[in-house]
Amino acid sequence: MKLTIVGPGKMALALAKGLEKEHELTIVGRDGEKLLHFTKQLSKHAKTALLDKYEIDGQTLILCVKPHALKESAAKLKGKAHTLYSVLAGTPIKELQKALKAEHYVRAMPNLAAEYFASMTTLTGDAAKKEEAEQLFASIGKTLWVESEKALDIATAVAGSGPAYLALVAEALADGAVKEGLGRSDAMKLVEGLFAGFAPLITHSHPALLKDAVMSPGGTTAAGYAALEERRARDAFIAAVEAAYRRTLG
């Protein structure tokens, strides 16, 4: 497909690196130098265009601007797109419809793992575009189509924000190992291996079953797990999802 990505930011770059293999890309932004720097980070040539008065008639757009910049950016786009895919967190379709004209609207919430073809992308919007949306975003990882914008906003708090939460866990585990005397580089290698091996585990087993499989009576895992429960780690993560979801509501 021919795709136009509007807004050359970090998420746009992650998406472009994932999508460039199978699609023809045009990157649109306000700053020519930033666009050049953006395309230099891609392995294939991508067209570029300045945002001012850019013609979107009949195009498939992936909107990657900051939510607060929606109105300003949309005002510079001329015409009516065929399909608008928006990755703007907390921006409902009704707001997109006010800002930009399109035949179809789909909200998408990928995460930065798109760069490595491992994004968990949640989708919702025009049901006529469900199959296309799933195929498009499957090129950068797994997809989940949900039936409401509320469900997508909750998913944003988990899969969209989740890499930051898991980064905190990874850093804390490494810090714990360093505190007890392990070298930093060895600690990070252990954490990297742990996270790489956890993905297939969580795919095939419920979290509670994984926990029980590791936790021997009176063992090391039980002691560590008890320390997490004493410090309300579970409650903290539940609260983080709630806070992130509430933030999407404005």
Protein backbone atom coordinates (compact mmCIF):
# COMPACT_ATOMS: atom_id res chain seq x y z
CA MET A 1 0.00 0.00 0.00
CA LYS A 2 0.92 3.65 -0.36
CA LEU A 3 0.90 5.14 3.12
CA THR A 4 1.41 8.68 4.33
CA ILE A 5 2.75 9.13 7.85
CA VAL A 6 2.09 12.59 9.25
CA GLY A 7 4.41 13.69 12.05
CA PRO A 8 8.04 12.47 12.10
CA GLY A 9 8.31 11.66 15.82
CA LYS A 10 9.49 8.60 17.75
CA MET A 11 6.33 6.56 17.22
CA ALA A 12 6.25 7.51 13.55
CA LEU A 13 9.83 6.30 13.16
CA ALA A 14 9.04 3.01 14.89
CA LEU A 15 6.06 2.53 12.61
CA ALA A 16 7.99 3.50 9.49
CA LYS A 17 10.76 1.01 10.26
CA GLY A 18 8.15 -1.70 10.67
CA LEU A 19 6.05 -0.76 7.65
CA GLU A 20 8.69 0.16 5.07
CA LYS A 21 9.37 -3.48 4.18
CA GLU A 22 5.91 -4.02 2.72
CA HIS A 23 4.62 -0.53 1.95
CA GLU A 24 5.53 2.62 0.03
CA LEU A 25 5.89 5.48 2.50
CA THR A 26 5.63 9.25 2.36
CA ILE A 27 6.65 11.12 5.51
CA VAL A 28 5.04 14.50 6.10
CA GLY A 29 6.21 17.11 8.58
CA ARG A 30 6.85 20.79 9.17
CA ASP A 31 10.67 20.79 9.18
CA GLY A 32 12.62 19.71 6.10
CA GLU A 33 15.79 18.96 8.07
CA LYS A 34 13.90 16.75 10.52
CA LEU A 35 12.30 14.90 7.62
CA LEU A 36 15.73 14.29 6.08
CA HIS A 37 17.11 13.02 9.39
CA PHE A 38 14.03 10.80 9.75
CA THR A 39 14.40 9.16 6.34
CA LYS A 40 18.13 8.57 6.86
CA GLN A 41 17.20 6.21 9.68
CA LEU A 42 15.14 4.02 7.33
CA SER A 43 16.64 1.20 5.29
CA LYS A 44 14.60 2.02 2.18
CA HIS A 45 13.95 5.30 0.41
CA ALA A 46 10.84 7.14 1.56
CA LYS A 47 9.34 10.24 -0.01
CA THR A 48 9.02 13.37 2.10
CA ALA A 49 6.69 16.37 1.94
CA LEU A 50 6.17 19.52 3.97
CA LEU A 51 2.97 19.72 5.96
CA ASP A 52 1.89 23.13 4.70
CA LYS A 53 -1.01 22.69 2.26
CA TYR A 54 -0.27 18.99 1.76
CA GLU A 55 -2.93 17.31 -0.39
CA ILE A 56 -4.48 14.20 1.17
CA ASP A 57 -7.26 13.39 -1.32
CA GLY A 58 -7.76 9.62 -1.59
CA GLN A 59 -4.76 8.82 0.60
CA THR A 60 -4.35 6.43 3.50
CA LEU A 61 -2.96 8.49 6.38
CA ILE A 62 -1.33 7.40 9.60
CA LEU A 63 -1.57 10.40 11.90
CA CYS A 64 1.29 10.49 14.41
CA VAL A 65 1.30 14.09 15.63
CA LYS A 66 1.00 14.96 19.31
CA PRO A 67 -2.65 15.13 20.44
CA HIS A 68 -2.33 18.83 21.31
CA ALA A 69 -1.08 19.53 17.77
CA LEU A 70 -4.04 17.89 16.02
CA LYS A 71 -5.96 21.06 15.10
CA GLU A 72 -2.90 22.98 13.98
CA SER A 73 -1.59 20.12 11.85
CA ALA A 74 -4.98 19.19 10.41
CA ALA A 75 -5.57 22.78 9.29
CA LYS A 76 -2.59 22.45 6.94
CA LEU A 77 -3.84 19.25 5.28
CA LYS A 78 -6.03 19.83 2.25
CA GLY A 79 -8.67 17.52 0.79
CA LYS A 80 -10.37 14.34 1.97
CA ALA A 81 -8.42 11.20 2.82
CA HIS A 82 -9.66 7.73 2.01
CA THR A 83 -8.73 6.28 5.41
CA LEU A 84 -7.35 7.99 8.48
CA TYR A 85 -5.48 5.84 10.98
CA SER A 86 -4.79 7.79 14.15
CA VAL A 87 -2.31 6.80 16.85
CA LEU A 88 -3.18 9.83 18.98
CA ALA A 89 -3.76 8.65 22.54
CA GLY A 90 -6.99 9.82 24.13
CA THR A 91 -8.29 11.44 20.94
CA PRO A 92 -11.75 10.08 20.05
CA ILE A 93 -12.99 9.59 16.52
CA LYS A 94 -15.47 12.45 16.89
CA GLU A 95 -12.53 14.81 17.43
CA LEU A 96 -10.71 13.39 14.41
CA GLN A 97 -13.84 13.88 12.30
CA LYS A 98 -13.99 17.55 13.30
CA ALA A 99 -10.34 18.07 12.43
CA LEU A 100 -9.88 16.05 9.23
CA LYS A 101 -12.09 14.82 6.42
CA ALA A 102 -11.89 11.11 5.55
CA GLU A 103 -14.09 8.32 4.23
CA HIS A 104 -13.06 5.98 7.06
CA TYR A 105 -11.63 6.48 10.54
CA VAL A 106 -9.67 3.94 12.60
CA ARG A 107 -7.89 4.50 15.88
CA ALA A 108 -4.74 2.48 16.46
CA MET A 109 -2.56 2.20 19.53
CA PRO A 110 0.76 0.53 18.70
CA ASN A 111 3.83 0.70 20.91
CA LEU A 112 7.53 1.33 20.30
CA ALA A 113 8.18 -2.36 19.67
CA ALA A 114 6.86 -1.66 16.16
CA GLU A 115 10.46 -0.93 15.22
CA TYR A 116 11.27 -4.60 15.86
CA PHE A 117 8.04 -5.96 14.34
CA ALA A 118 6.82 -6.81 17.85
CA SER A 119 4.19 -4.18 18.60
CA MET A 120 0.95 -5.06 20.36
CA THR A 121 -1.45 -2.80 18.46
CA THR A 122 -5.05 -2.26 19.50
CA LEU A 123 -7.51 -1.11 16.83
CA THR A 124 -11.07 0.18 16.67
CA GLY A 125 -13.25 2.29 14.40
CA ASP A 126 -14.94 1.76 11.04
CA ALA A 127 -15.75 -1.96 10.84
CA ALA A 128 -15.42 -1.83 7.04
CA LYS A 129 -11.69 -1.27 7.56
CA LYS A 130 -11.17 -3.96 10.20
CA GLU A 131 -9.50 -6.48 7.88
CA GLU A 132 -7.28 -3.87 6.25
CA ALA A 133 -6.32 -2.42 9.62
CA GLU A 134 -5.40 -5.82 11.02
CA GLN A 135 -3.32 -6.69 7.94
CA LEU A 136 -1.62 -3.30 7.94
CA PHE A 137 -0.60 -3.32 11.59
CA ALA A 138 0.18 -7.05 11.54
CA SER A 139 3.26 -6.05 9.56
CA ILE A 140 4.64 -4.58 12.80
CA GLY A 141 3.47 -7.24 15.27
CA LYS A 142 0.29 -8.54 16.86
CA THR A 143 -3.11 -6.83 16.64
CA LEU A 144 -6.29 -6.77 18.66
CA TRP A 145 -9.51 -5.27 17.26
CA VAL A 146 -11.88 -4.06 19.98
CA GLU A 147 -15.46 -2.93 19.58
CA SER A 148 -15.38 0.40 21.43
CA GLU A 149 -13.17 3.40 21.97
CA LYS A 150 -13.40 2.85 25.71
CA ALA A 151 -11.82 -0.57 25.26
CA LEU A 152 -9.06 0.97 23.15
CA ASP A 153 -8.36 3.61 25.79
CA ILE A 154 -8.04 0.90 28.44
CA ALA A 155 -5.75 -1.03 26.09
CA THR A 156 -3.67 2.13 25.68
CA ALA A 157 -3.04 2.12 29.43
CA VAL A 158 -1.74 -1.47 29.17
CA ALA A 159 -0.04 -2.10 25.82
CA GLY A 160 0.62 1.51 24.84
CA SER A 161 2.10 2.64 28.16
CA GLY A 162 3.21 -0.85 29.16
CA PRO A 163 6.77 -0.64 27.76
CA ALA A 164 7.48 2.15 30.26
CA TYR A 165 6.13 0.04 33.13
CA LEU A 166 8.16 -2.99 32.06
CA ALA A 167 11.25 -0.81 31.65
CA LEU A 168 10.82 0.19 35.28
CA VAL A 169 10.59 -3.48 36.29
CA ALA A 170 13.66 -4.36 34.22
CA GLU A 171 15.71 -1.52 35.67
CA ALA A 172 14.62 -2.34 39.21
CA LEU A 173 15.53 -6.03 38.85
CA ALA A 174 18.96 -5.10 37.51
CA ASP A 175 19.42 -2.57 40.31
CA GLY A 176 18.51 -5.23 42.84
CA ALA A 177 21.14 -7.58 41.45
CA VAL A 178 23.77 -4.82 41.49
CA LYS A 179 22.83 -3.96 45.08
CA GLU A 180 23.57 -7.55 46.07
CA GLY A 181 26.96 -7.51 44.33
CA LEU A 182 26.46 -8.55 40.69
CA GLY A 183 28.16 -6.50 37.98
CA ARG A 184 25.92 -4.11 36.03
CA SER A 185 26.61 -5.68 32.62
CA ASP A 186 25.87 -9.18 33.93
CA ALA A 187 22.71 -7.94 35.64
CA MET A 188 21.46 -6.41 32.39
CA LYS A 189 22.23 -9.57 30.42
CA LEU A 190 20.18 -11.57 32.91
CA VAL A 191 17.25 -9.15 32.65
CA GLU A 192 17.40 -9.13 28.85
CA GLY A 193 17.35 -12.91 28.79
CA LEU A 194 14.52 -12.99 31.32
CA PHE A 195 12.30 -10.71 29.23
CA ALA A 196 13.09 -12.55 25.98
CA GLY A 197 12.15 -15.87 27.56
CA PHE A 198 9.02 -14.55 29.24
CA ALA A 199 7.20 -13.76 25.98
CA PRO A 200 6.59 -17.41 24.95
CA LEU A 201 5.75 -18.31 28.55
CA ILE A 202 2.98 -15.73 28.84
CA THR A 203 1.69 -16.75 25.40
CA HIS A 204 1.11 -20.33 26.52
CA SER A 205 0.27 -20.04 30.23
CA HIS A 206 -1.90 -17.92 32.52
CA PRO A 207 0.17 -15.62 34.77
CA ALA A 208 -1.13 -17.34 37.90
CA LEU A 209 0.02 -20.73 36.59
CA LEU A 210 3.45 -19.35 35.73
CA LYS A 211 3.77 -17.94 39.24
CA ASP A 212 2.78 -21.23 40.83
CA ALA A 213 5.18 -23.19 38.60
CA VAL A 214 8.13 -21.09 39.78
CA MET A 215 7.19 -20.65 43.43
CA SER A 216 8.32 -23.62 45.54
CA PRO A 217 7.09 -23.78 49.17
CA GLY A 218 9.40 -21.75 51.37
CA GLY A 219 11.73 -21.09 48.43
CA THR A 220 13.56 -18.08 47.06
CA THR A 221 10.74 -17.01 44.72
CA ALA A 222 8.19 -17.20 47.51
CA ALA A 223 10.37 -14.94 49.64
CA GLY A 224 10.80 -12.42 46.85
CA TYR A 225 7.13 -12.54 45.92
CA ALA A 226 6.12 -11.92 49.53
CA ALA A 227 8.34 -8.84 49.57
CA LEU A 228 6.56 -7.52 46.47
CA GLU A 229 3.14 -8.14 48.03
CA GLU A 230 4.20 -6.43 51.27
CA ARG A 231 5.10 -3.36 49.25
CA ARG A 232 1.83 -3.49 47.31
CA ALA A 233 3.47 -3.97 43.90
CA ARG A 234 0.29 -5.49 42.49
CA ASP A 235 -1.81 -2.54 43.68
CA ALA A 236 0.72 -0.12 42.22
CA PHE A 237 0.44 -1.62 38.74
CA ILE A 238 -3.36 -1.73 38.89
CA ALA A 239 -3.33 1.92 39.93
CA ALA A 240 -0.95 2.74 37.07
CA VAL A 241 -3.36 1.28 34.51
CA GLU A 242 -6.25 3.18 36.07
CA ALA A 243 -4.33 6.47 36.10
CA ALA A 244 -3.22 6.05 32.48
CA TYR A 245 -6.76 5.22 31.38
CA ARG A 246 -8.22 8.20 33.23
CA ARG A 247 -5.65 10.38 31.51
CA THR A 248 -6.97 9.34 28.10
CA LEU A 249 -10.34 10.78 29.10
CA GLY A 250 -8.85 14.25 29.40
